[in-house]
């Protein structure tokens, strides 16, 4: 086993145990699986949640402390429909409900406004915006939708988007011939192989996420690179598999290896075909795009 594979697998096992291990733990962030019996966000009326005590998943809000928790709480309530479109959000009321300062409320609403979830206008105040105005490519919104009533639509849409983005990225990446990147991708496949043999799904998923993110970044298209966060979010949200990559198996590993071999041979068509084989077509996607064919 290579040094990289050993380090990454040791790190993953340490993270799974809740202990800080050697290596670059922060580089392989992995969304926690929500606790069993998790229910949706509470309704606004009658909510007595103390934000400081409310449980939250580590991968949810990108912020820290009360500000980050409030962003997540309000974001989830909006995405779930508990706070419907055009619902007024009164800062004073929010502060009282969640026992946070006016500054925390104001900064949280600014973050939600940047995501397209709310709008603030003079003489009108802050109101929830319709779904058509949301930034649906925002990683937080992707995650919130994945845990809300729109979870099935979210997984289907992510699957469709990945089916469009990643085969093209694989074709473009084959033309760059960067040995350092090809070696890094090969390392990820090696890590996935060892993880599969040991039944280590966490390490497999982390290596898988890095493989796909790196492939998009090396495609040489800055607009595609901007979308790499979407793929990472799709691989990290839980609640049901989006692609075959979420189910570690020999077939998935073989397709990853085929992609690496095609890149090394500068075979764009082969890399694209291998990626299409890798992505498991969601039943709803089949009505939009044809199932991948063997070549």
C-alpha atoms as a PDB file:
ATOM      1  CA  UNK A   1       0.000   0.000   0.000  1.00  0.00           C
ATOM      2  CA  UNK A   2       1.323   3.466  -0.842  1.00  0.00           C
ATOM      3  CA  UNK A   3       2.124   5.982   1.916  1.00  0.00           C
ATOM      4  CA  UNK A   4      -0.750   8.184   0.724  1.00  0.00           C
ATOM      5  CA  UNK A   5      -3.244   5.318   0.891  1.00  0.00           C
ATOM      6  CA  UNK A   6      -2.074   4.283   4.369  1.00  0.00           C
ATOM      7  CA  UNK A   7      -2.255   7.868   5.679  1.00  0.00           C
ATOM      8  CA  UNK A   8      -5.696   8.495   4.285  1.00  0.00           C
ATOM      9  CA  UNK A   9      -7.153   5.234   5.571  1.00  0.00           C
ATOM     10  CA  UNK A  10      -5.638   5.776   9.035  1.00  0.00           C
ATOM     11  CA  UNK A  11      -7.066   9.295   9.090  1.00  0.00           C
ATOM     12  CA  UNK A  12     -10.516   8.077   8.115  1.00  0.00           C
ATOM     13  CA  UNK A  13     -10.535   5.429  10.834  1.00  0.00           C
ATOM     14  CA  UNK A  14      -9.424   8.028  13.413  1.00  0.00           C
ATOM     15  CA  UNK A  15     -12.135  10.439  12.268  1.00  0.00           C
ATOM     16  CA  UNK A  16     -14.740   7.673  12.469  1.00  0.00           C
ATOM     17  CA  UNK A  17     -13.765   7.024  16.075  1.00  0.00           C
ATOM     18  CA  UNK A  18     -14.056  10.704  16.895  1.00  0.00           C
ATOM     19  CA  UNK A  19     -10.315  11.107  17.484  1.00  0.00           C
ATOM     20  CA  UNK A  20      -7.911  13.391  15.668  1.00  0.00           C
ATOM     21  CA  UNK A  21      -5.584  11.239  13.624  1.00  0.00           C
ATOM     22  CA  UNK A  22      -2.464  11.867  11.545  1.00  0.00           C
ATOM     23  CA  UNK A  23      -2.564  13.200   8.030  1.00  0.00           C
ATOM     24  CA  UNK A  24      -4.699  15.862   6.442  1.00  0.00           C
ATOM     25  CA  UNK A  25      -8.022  15.227   8.141  1.00  0.00           C
ATOM     26  CA  UNK A  26      -9.530  18.596   7.217  1.00  0.00           C
ATOM     27  CA  UNK A  27      -8.968  17.933   3.509  1.00  0.00           C
ATOM     28  CA  UNK A  28     -11.289  14.957   3.559  1.00  0.00           C
ATOM     29  CA  UNK A  29     -14.415  16.377   5.143  1.00  0.00           C
ATOM     30  CA  UNK A  30     -17.280  13.922   5.140  1.00  0.00           C
ATOM     31  CA  UNK A  31     -20.907  14.655   5.914  1.00  0.00           C
ATOM     32  CA  UNK A  32     -22.123  12.845   9.000  1.00  0.00           C
ATOM     33  CA  UNK A  33     -25.034  10.494   8.656  1.00  0.00           C
ATOM     34  CA  UNK A  34     -27.990  12.077  10.446  1.00  0.00           C
ATOM     35  CA  UNK A  35     -29.119  10.328  13.609  1.00  0.00           C
ATOM     36  CA  UNK A  36     -31.859   7.735  13.250  1.00  0.00           C
ATOM     37  CA  UNK A  37     -35.348   9.102  13.504  1.00  0.00           C
ATOM     38  CA  UNK A  38     -34.329  12.591  12.416  1.00  0.00           C
ATOM     39  CA  UNK A  39     -37.366  14.753  11.818  1.00  0.00           C
ATOM     40  CA  UNK A  40     -37.819  17.844   9.698  1.00  0.00           C
ATOM     41  CA  UNK A  41     -37.296  21.402  10.891  1.00  0.00           C
ATOM     42  CA  UNK A  42     -39.894  22.574  13.421  1.00  0.00           C
ATOM     43  CA  UNK A  43     -42.699  24.900  12.456  1.00  0.00           C
ATOM     44  CA  UNK A  44     -42.171  28.563  13.225  1.00  0.00           C
ATOM     45  CA  UNK A  45     -45.258  28.906  15.408  1.00  0.00           C
ATOM     46  CA  UNK A  46     -44.773  27.518  18.862  1.00  0.00           C
ATOM     47  CA  UNK A  47     -41.115  26.705  18.293  1.00  0.00           C
ATOM     48  CA  UNK A  48     -39.230  26.737  21.551  1.00  0.00           C
ATOM     49  CA  UNK A  49     -35.850  25.715  20.189  1.00  0.00           C
ATOM     50  CA  UNK A  50     -32.903  27.018  22.123  1.00  0.00           C
ATOM     51  CA  UNK A  51     -30.401  27.475  19.308  1.00  0.00           C
ATOM     52  CA  UNK A  52     -27.466  26.874  21.610  1.00  0.00           C
ATOM     53  CA  UNK A  53     -28.803  23.415  22.498  1.00  0.00           C
ATOM     54  CA  UNK A  54     -30.344  22.431  19.152  1.00  0.00           C
ATOM     55  CA  UNK A  55     -28.449  19.523  17.548  1.00  0.00           C
ATOM     56  CA  UNK A  56     -26.938  20.128  14.143  1.00  0.00           C
ATOM     57  CA  UNK A  57     -24.793  18.180  11.718  1.00  0.00           C
ATOM     58  CA  UNK A  58     -21.177  19.207  11.338  1.00  0.00           C
ATOM     59  CA  UNK A  59     -21.445  19.532   7.561  1.00  0.00           C
ATOM     60  CA  UNK A  60     -24.550  21.700   7.609  1.00  0.00           C
ATOM     61  CA  UNK A  61     -23.760  25.341   8.057  1.00  0.00           C
ATOM     62  CA  UNK A  62     -20.455  26.678   6.791  1.00  0.00           C
ATOM     63  CA  UNK A  63     -20.446  29.219   9.604  1.00  0.00           C
ATOM     64  CA  UNK A  64     -19.473  28.874  13.232  1.00  0.00           C
ATOM     65  CA  UNK A  65     -21.239  29.463  16.507  1.00  0.00           C
ATOM     66  CA  UNK A  66     -24.678  30.998  16.872  1.00  0.00           C
ATOM     67  CA  UNK A  67     -24.472  32.767  13.523  1.00  0.00           C
ATOM     68  CA  UNK A  68     -23.819  29.554  11.611  1.00  0.00           C
ATOM     69  CA  UNK A  69     -26.475  27.668  13.548  1.00  0.00           C
ATOM     70  CA  UNK A  70     -29.108  30.325  12.891  1.00  0.00           C
ATOM     71  CA  UNK A  71     -28.302  30.343   9.177  1.00  0.00           C
ATOM     72  CA  UNK A  72     -28.806  26.596   9.079  1.00  0.00           C
ATOM     73  CA  UNK A  73     -31.980  26.636  11.176  1.00  0.00           C
ATOM     74  CA  UNK A  74     -33.693  29.349   9.135  1.00  0.00           C
ATOM     75  CA  UNK A  75     -32.384  27.919   5.863  1.00  0.00           C
ATOM     76  CA  UNK A  76     -33.806  24.500   6.636  1.00  0.00           C
ATOM     77  CA  UNK A  77     -37.148  26.000   7.650  1.00  0.00           C
ATOM     78  CA  UNK A  78     -37.370  27.952   4.390  1.00  0.00           C
ATOM     79  CA  UNK A  79     -36.323  25.035   2.173  1.00  0.00           C
ATOM     80  CA  UNK A  80     -38.686  22.632   3.953  1.00  0.00           C
ATOM     81  CA  UNK A  81     -41.602  25.014   3.421  1.00  0.00           C
ATOM     82  CA  UNK A  82     -42.161  25.740   7.112  1.00  0.00           C
ATOM     83  CA  UNK A  83     -41.499  29.366   6.179  1.00  0.00           C
ATOM     84  CA  UNK A  84     -43.310  29.769   2.878  1.00  0.00           C
ATOM     85  CA  UNK A  85     -42.733  32.225   0.041  1.00  0.00           C
ATOM     86  CA  UNK A  86     -43.421  35.876   0.868  1.00  0.00           C
ATOM     87  CA  UNK A  87     -43.424  35.085   4.591  1.00  0.00           C
ATOM     88  CA  UNK A  88     -42.187  38.172   6.483  1.00  0.00           C
ATOM     89  CA  UNK A  89     -39.178  37.630   8.721  1.00  0.00           C
ATOM     90  CA  UNK A  90     -39.095  40.137  11.581  1.00  0.00           C
ATOM     91  CA  UNK A  91     -35.571  40.369  13.061  1.00  0.00           C
ATOM     92  CA  UNK A  92     -36.855  41.190  16.536  1.00  0.00           C
ATOM     93  CA  UNK A  93     -39.137  38.148  16.520  1.00  0.00           C
ATOM     94  CA  UNK A  94     -36.329  35.873  15.280  1.00  0.00           C
ATOM     95  CA  UNK A  95     -34.030  37.162  18.003  1.00  0.00           C
ATOM     96  CA  UNK A  96     -36.615  36.436  20.669  1.00  0.00           C
ATOM     97  CA  UNK A  97     -37.520  33.003  19.320  1.00  0.00           C
ATOM     98  CA  UNK A  98     -33.938  31.788  19.122  1.00  0.00           C
ATOM     99  CA  UNK A  99     -32.494  33.909  21.947  1.00  0.00           C
ATOM    100  CA  UNK A 100     -29.773  35.499  19.847  1.00  0.00           C
ATOM    101  CA  UNK A 101     -28.647  39.090  19.432  1.00  0.00           C
ATOM    102  CA  UNK A 102     -29.796  41.496  16.762  1.00  0.00           C
ATOM    103  CA  UNK A 103     -26.308  41.385  15.234  1.00  0.00           C
ATOM    104  CA  UNK A 104     -26.478  37.579  14.844  1.00  0.00           C
ATOM    105  CA  UNK A 105     -29.903  37.846  13.237  1.00  0.00           C
ATOM    106  CA  UNK A 106     -28.836  40.605  10.872  1.00  0.00           C
ATOM    107  CA  UNK A 107     -25.705  38.764   9.694  1.00  0.00           C
ATOM    108  CA  UNK A 108     -27.632  35.514   9.283  1.00  0.00           C
ATOM    109  CA  UNK A 109     -30.283  37.171   7.132  1.00  0.00           C
ATOM    110  CA  UNK A 110     -27.540  38.667   4.967  1.00  0.00           C
ATOM    111  CA  UNK A 111     -26.142  35.182   4.326  1.00  0.00           C
ATOM    112  CA  UNK A 112     -29.605  33.876   3.441  1.00  0.00           C
ATOM    113  CA  UNK A 113     -30.142  36.854   1.147  1.00  0.00           C
ATOM    114  CA  UNK A 114     -26.901  36.055  -0.682  1.00  0.00           C
ATOM    115  CA  UNK A 115     -28.236  32.540  -1.251  1.00  0.00           C
ATOM    116  CA  UNK A 116     -31.431  33.951  -2.742  1.00  0.00           C
ATOM    117  CA  UNK A 117     -33.653  32.613   0.031  1.00  0.00           C
ATOM    118  CA  UNK A 118     -34.804  35.997   1.351  1.00  0.00           C
ATOM    119  CA  UNK A 119     -34.950  39.578   0.157  1.00  0.00           C
ATOM    120  CA  UNK A 120     -34.748  42.782   2.164  1.00  0.00           C
ATOM    121  CA  UNK A 121     -36.341  45.952   0.808  1.00  0.00           C
ATOM    122  CA  UNK A 122     -37.019  49.356   2.342  1.00  0.00           C
ATOM    123  CA  UNK A 123     -40.560  49.776   3.682  1.00  0.00           C
ATOM    124  CA  UNK A 124     -41.227  46.091   3.004  1.00  0.00           C
ATOM    125  CA  UNK A 125     -38.789  44.332   5.297  1.00  0.00           C
ATOM    126  CA  UNK A 126     -37.294  40.885   4.881  1.00  0.00           C
ATOM    127  CA  UNK A 127     -39.398  38.238   3.184  1.00  0.00           C
ATOM    128  CA  UNK A 128     -38.911  34.676   2.012  1.00  0.00           C
ATOM    129  CA  UNK A 129     -38.373  34.434  -1.746  1.00  0.00           C
ATOM    130  CA  UNK A 130     -39.940  31.794  -4.042  1.00  0.00           C
ATOM    131  CA  UNK A 131     -37.966  28.714  -5.078  1.00  0.00           C
ATOM    132  CA  UNK A 132     -37.362  30.200  -8.513  1.00  0.00           C
ATOM    133  CA  UNK A 133     -35.121  32.829  -6.882  1.00  0.00           C
ATOM    134  CA  UNK A 134     -33.005  30.444  -4.808  1.00  0.00           C
ATOM    135  CA  UNK A 135     -29.399  29.695  -5.721  1.00  0.00           C
ATOM    136  CA  UNK A 136     -29.998  25.971  -6.156  1.00  0.00           C
ATOM    137  CA  UNK A 137     -26.301  25.386  -6.869  1.00  0.00           C
ATOM    138  CA  UNK A 138     -25.306  26.603  -3.404  1.00  0.00           C
ATOM    139  CA  UNK A 139     -23.859  23.651  -1.416  1.00  0.00           C
ATOM    140  CA  UNK A 140     -25.881  24.575   1.687  1.00  0.00           C
ATOM    141  CA  UNK A 141     -29.151  24.658  -0.235  1.00  0.00           C
ATOM    142  CA  UNK A 142     -28.281  21.359  -1.917  1.00  0.00           C
ATOM    143  CA  UNK A 143     -27.786  19.849   1.519  1.00  0.00           C
ATOM    144  CA  UNK A 144     -30.937  21.366   3.033  1.00  0.00           C
ATOM    145  CA  UNK A 145     -33.042  20.124   0.121  1.00  0.00           C
ATOM    146  CA  UNK A 146     -31.501  16.671   0.510  1.00  0.00           C
ATOM    147  CA  UNK A 147     -32.905  16.468   4.037  1.00  0.00           C
ATOM    148  CA  UNK A 148     -36.269  18.095   3.367  1.00  0.00           C
ATOM    149  CA  UNK A 149     -39.478  17.130   1.602  1.00  0.00           C
ATOM    150  CA  UNK A 150     -37.771  17.812  -1.755  1.00  0.00           C
ATOM    151  CA  UNK A 151     -35.161  15.099  -1.132  1.00  0.00           C
ATOM    152  CA  UNK A 152     -36.257  12.904  -4.060  1.00  0.00           C
ATOM    153  CA  UNK A 153     -36.249  15.816  -6.512  1.00  0.00           C
ATOM    154  CA  UNK A 154     -32.866  16.929  -5.199  1.00  0.00           C
ATOM    155  CA  UNK A 155     -31.249  13.523  -5.732  1.00  0.00           C
ATOM    156  CA  UNK A 156     -32.784  13.182  -9.207  1.00  0.00           C
ATOM    157  CA  UNK A 157     -31.644  16.665 -10.250  1.00  0.00           C
ATOM    158  CA  UNK A 158     -28.140  16.088  -8.918  1.00  0.00           C
ATOM    159  CA  UNK A 159     -27.954  12.800 -10.783  1.00  0.00           C
ATOM    160  CA  UNK A 160     -29.059  14.440 -14.027  1.00  0.00           C
ATOM    161  CA  UNK A 161     -26.576  17.277 -13.574  1.00  0.00           C
ATOM    162  CA  UNK A 162     -23.679  14.952 -12.834  1.00  0.00           C
ATOM    163  CA  UNK A 163     -24.574  12.809 -15.853  1.00  0.00           C
ATOM    164  CA  UNK A 164     -24.160  15.955 -17.950  1.00  0.00           C
ATOM    165  CA  UNK A 165     -21.064  17.461 -16.306  1.00  0.00           C
ATOM    166  CA  UNK A 166     -18.719  14.589 -15.524  1.00  0.00           C
ATOM    167  CA  UNK A 167     -18.496  12.695 -18.835  1.00  0.00           C
ATOM    168  CA  UNK A 168     -17.555  15.963 -20.549  1.00  0.00           C
ATOM    169  CA  UNK A 169     -15.000  16.736 -17.829  1.00  0.00           C
ATOM    170  CA  UNK A 170     -13.457  13.292 -18.293  1.00  0.00           C
ATOM    171  CA  UNK A 171     -13.152  13.832 -22.060  1.00  0.00           C
ATOM    172  CA  UNK A 172     -11.510  17.248 -21.590  1.00  0.00           C
ATOM    173  CA  UNK A 173      -9.176  16.017 -18.843  1.00  0.00           C
ATOM    174  CA  UNK A 174      -7.760  13.368 -21.181  1.00  0.00           C
ATOM    175  CA  UNK A 175      -6.234  16.073 -23.338  1.00  0.00           C
ATOM    176  CA  UNK A 176      -4.119  17.645 -20.611  1.00  0.00           C
ATOM    177  CA  UNK A 177      -1.688  14.823 -19.916  1.00  0.00           C
ATOM    178  CA  UNK A 178      -0.549  16.126 -16.518  1.00  0.00           C
ATOM    179  CA  UNK A 179       1.379  13.286 -14.933  1.00  0.00           C
ATOM    180  CA  UNK A 180       1.033  14.685 -11.415  1.00  0.00           C
ATOM    181  CA  UNK A 181      -2.761  14.750 -11.700  1.00  0.00           C
ATOM    182  CA  UNK A 182      -2.893  11.297 -13.282  1.00  0.00           C
ATOM    183  CA  UNK A 183      -0.772   9.968 -10.421  1.00  0.00           C
ATOM    184  CA  UNK A 184      -3.074  11.604  -7.875  1.00  0.00           C
ATOM    185  CA  UNK A 185      -6.115  10.039  -9.546  1.00  0.00           C
ATOM    186  CA  UNK A 186      -4.355   6.659  -9.589  1.00  0.00           C
ATOM    187  CA  UNK A 187      -3.608   7.100  -5.879  1.00  0.00           C
ATOM    188  CA  UNK A 188      -7.300   7.682  -5.199  1.00  0.00           C
ATOM    189  CA  UNK A 189      -8.172   4.462  -7.040  1.00  0.00           C
ATOM    190  CA  UNK A 190      -5.560   2.590  -4.998  1.00  0.00           C
ATOM    191  CA  UNK A 191      -7.012   3.992  -1.773  1.00  0.00           C
ATOM    192  CA  UNK A 192     -10.517   3.009  -2.876  1.00  0.00           C
ATOM    193  CA  UNK A 193      -9.316  -0.516  -3.630  1.00  0.00           C
ATOM    194  CA  UNK A 194      -7.735  -0.986  -0.219  1.00  0.00           C
ATOM    195  CA  UNK A 195     -10.781   0.564   1.476  1.00  0.00           C
ATOM    196  CA  UNK A 196     -13.101  -1.777  -0.423  1.00  0.00           C
ATOM    197  CA  UNK A 197     -11.086  -4.805   0.703  1.00  0.00           C
ATOM    198  CA  UNK A 198     -11.295  -3.657   4.320  1.00  0.00           C
ATOM    199  CA  UNK A 199     -14.956  -2.697   4.210  1.00  0.00           C
ATOM    200  CA  UNK A 200     -14.026   0.931   4.972  1.00  0.00           C
ATOM    201  CA  UNK A 201     -16.836   2.861   3.280  1.00  0.00           C
ATOM    202  CA  UNK A 202     -15.799   6.210   4.793  1.00  0.00           C
ATOM    203  CA  UNK A 203     -12.322   6.148   3.276  1.00  0.00           C
ATOM    204  CA  UNK A 204     -13.770   4.875  -0.008  1.00  0.00           C
ATOM    205  CA  UNK A 205     -16.214   7.805  -0.126  1.00  0.00           C
ATOM    206  CA  UNK A 206     -13.544  10.387   0.675  1.00  0.00           C
ATOM    207  CA  UNK A 207     -11.203   9.103  -2.015  1.00  0.00           C
ATOM    208  CA  UNK A 208     -14.135   8.929  -4.430  1.00  0.00           C
ATOM    209  CA  UNK A 209     -15.090  12.551  -3.738  1.00  0.00           C
ATOM    210  CA  UNK A 210     -11.504  13.714  -4.293  1.00  0.00           C
ATOM    211  CA  UNK A 211     -11.262  11.693  -7.509  1.00  0.00           C
ATOM    212  CA  UNK A 212     -14.327  13.351  -9.046  1.00  0.00           C
ATOM    213  CA  UNK A 213     -13.470  16.842  -7.815  1.00  0.00           C
ATOM    214  CA  UNK A 214      -9.907  16.602  -9.134  1.00  0.00           C
ATOM    215  CA  UNK A 215     -11.080  15.292 -12.500  1.00  0.00           C
ATOM    216  CA  UNK A 216     -13.344  18.302 -12.992  1.00  0.00           C
ATOM    217  CA  UNK A 217     -10.643  20.730 -11.904  1.00  0.00           C
ATOM    218  CA  UNK A 218      -8.143  19.358 -14.408  1.00  0.00           C
ATOM    219  CA  UNK A 219     -10.577  19.534 -17.330  1.00  0.00           C
ATOM    220  CA  UNK A 220      -9.208  22.973 -18.224  1.00  0.00           C
ATOM    221  CA  UNK A 221     -12.612  24.653 -18.257  1.00  0.00           C
ATOM    222  CA  UNK A 222     -13.047  27.267 -15.547  1.00  0.00           C
ATOM    223  CA  UNK A 223     -16.834  27.183 -15.738  1.00  0.00           C
ATOM    224  CA  UNK A 224     -16.821  23.431 -15.219  1.00  0.00           C
ATOM    225  CA  UNK A 225     -14.329  23.858 -12.393  1.00  0.00           C
ATOM    226  CA  UNK A 226     -16.754  26.244 -10.729  1.00  0.00           C
ATOM    227  CA  UNK A 227     -19.269  23.393 -10.659  1.00  0.00           C
ATOM    228  CA  UNK A 228     -16.943  20.980  -8.849  1.00  0.00           C
ATOM    229  CA  UNK A 229     -18.533  21.984  -5.548  1.00  0.00           C
ATOM    230  CA  UNK A 230     -21.848  20.651  -6.805  1.00  0.00           C
ATOM    231  CA  UNK A 231     -20.374  17.239  -7.432  1.00  0.00           C
ATOM    232  CA  UNK A 232     -18.729  17.245  -4.005  1.00  0.00           C
ATOM    233  CA  UNK A 233     -22.044  18.170  -2.401  1.00  0.00           C
ATOM    234  CA  UNK A 234     -23.814  15.427  -4.346  1.00  0.00           C
ATOM    235  CA  UNK A 235     -21.321  12.858  -3.077  1.00  0.00           C
ATOM    236  CA  UNK A 236     -21.492  14.068   0.515  1.00  0.00           C
ATOM    237  CA  UNK A 237     -25.202  14.512   1.158  1.00  0.00           C
ATOM    238  CA  UNK A 238     -26.801  11.446   2.624  1.00  0.00           C
ATOM    239  CA  UNK A 239     -30.357  10.178   2.609  1.00  0.00           C
ATOM    240  CA  UNK A 240     -29.979   7.799  -0.315  1.00  0.00           C
ATOM    241  CA  UNK A 241     -27.480   6.978  -3.062  1.00  0.00           C
ATOM    242  CA  UNK A 242     -27.135   9.380  -5.962  1.00  0.00           C
ATOM    243  CA  UNK A 243     -24.731   7.336  -8.049  1.00  0.00           C
ATOM    244  CA  UNK A 244     -23.070   3.963  -8.064  1.00  0.00           C
ATOM    245  CA  UNK A 245     -20.077   5.619  -6.388  1.00  0.00           C
ATOM    246  CA  UNK A 246     -22.060   5.668  -3.141  1.00  0.00           C
ATOM    247  CA  UNK A 247     -22.065   1.871  -3.150  1.00  0.00           C
ATOM    248  CA  UNK A 248     -18.480   0.651  -2.907  1.00  0.00           C
ATOM    249  CA  UNK A 249     -18.092  -2.409  -5.108  1.00  0.00           C
ATOM    250  CA  UNK A 250     -15.705  -3.998  -7.581  1.00  0.00           C
ATOM    251  CA  UNK A 251     -17.645  -2.669 -10.572  1.00  0.00           C
ATOM    252  CA  UNK A 252     -17.359   0.933  -9.387  1.00  0.00           C
ATOM    253  CA  UNK A 253     -13.644   0.477  -8.723  1.00  0.00           C
ATOM    254  CA  UNK A 254     -13.119  -0.998 -12.194  1.00  0.00           C
ATOM    255  CA  UNK A 255     -14.787   1.965 -13.884  1.00  0.00           C
ATOM    256  CA  UNK A 256     -12.584   4.389 -11.933  1.00  0.00           C
ATOM    257  CA  UNK A 257      -9.532   2.431 -13.104  1.00  0.00           C
ATOM    258  CA  UNK A 258     -10.750   2.573 -16.701  1.00  0.00           C
ATOM    259  CA  UNK A 259     -11.000   6.355 -16.462  1.00  0.00           C
ATOM    260  CA  UNK A 260      -7.417   6.615 -15.166  1.00  0.00           C
ATOM    261  CA  UNK A 261      -6.146   4.334 -17.951  1.00  0.00           C
ATOM    262  CA  UNK A 262      -7.982   6.368 -20.596  1.00  0.00           C
ATOM    263  CA  UNK A 263      -6.521   9.612 -19.245  1.00  0.00           C
ATOM    264  CA  UNK A 264      -3.012   8.161 -19.336  1.00  0.00           C
ATOM    265  CA  UNK A 265      -3.571   7.163 -22.971  1.00  0.00           C
ATOM    266  CA  UNK A 266      -5.028  10.606 -23.827  1.00  0.00           C
ATOM    267  CA  UNK A 267      -8.171   8.754 -24.911  1.00  0.00           C
ATOM    268  CA  UNK A 268     -10.917  11.333 -24.443  1.00  0.00           C
ATOM    269  CA  UNK A 269     -13.679   9.169 -25.889  1.00  0.00           C
ATOM    270  CA  UNK A 270     -12.664   6.251 -23.681  1.00  0.00           C
ATOM    271  CA  UNK A 271     -12.578   8.418 -20.559  1.00  0.00           C
ATOM    272  CA  UNK A 272     -16.013   9.807 -21.359  1.00  0.00           C
ATOM    273  CA  UNK A 273     -17.467   6.348 -21.963  1.00  0.00           C
ATOM    274  CA  UNK A 274     -15.987   5.007 -18.730  1.00  0.00           C
ATOM    275  CA  UNK A 275     -17.476   7.882 -16.766  1.00  0.00           C
ATOM    276  CA  UNK A 276     -20.909   7.278 -18.268  1.00  0.00           C
ATOM    277  CA  UNK A 277     -20.634   3.648 -17.235  1.00  0.00           C
ATOM    278  CA  UNK A 278     -19.671   4.696 -13.723  1.00  0.00           C
ATOM    279  CA  UNK A 279     -22.641   6.972 -13.163  1.00  0.00           C
ATOM    280  CA  UNK A 280     -25.665   4.865 -12.314  1.00  0.00           C
ATOM    281  CA  UNK A 281     -28.696   6.255 -14.064  1.00  0.00           C
ATOM    282  CA  UNK A 282     -31.526   7.180 -11.722  1.00  0.00           C
ATOM    283  CA  UNK A 283     -34.917   5.781 -12.863  1.00  0.00           C
ATOM    284  CA  UNK A 284     -36.179   9.311 -13.493  1.00  0.00           C
ATOM    285  CA  UNK A 285     -33.036  10.238 -15.416  1.00  0.00           C
ATOM    286  CA  UNK A 286     -33.654   7.455 -17.928  1.00  0.00           C
ATOM    287  CA  UNK A 287     -36.518   9.502 -19.322  1.00  0.00           C
ATOM    288  CA  UNK A 288     -34.142  12.385 -19.995  1.00  0.00           C
ATOM    289  CA  UNK A 289     -30.896  10.743 -21.086  1.00  0.00           C
ATOM    290  CA  UNK A 290     -30.209   7.291 -22.527  1.00  0.00           C
ATOM    291  CA  UNK A 291     -28.663   4.609 -20.340  1.00  0.00           C
ATOM    292  CA  UNK A 292     -24.909   4.239 -20.892  1.00  0.00           C
ATOM    293  CA  UNK A 293     -23.852   1.556 -23.359  1.00  0.00           C
ATOM    294  CA  UNK A 294     -20.920  -0.811 -23.214  1.00  0.00           C
ATOM    295  CA  UNK A 295     -18.135   0.020 -25.661  1.00  0.00           C
END
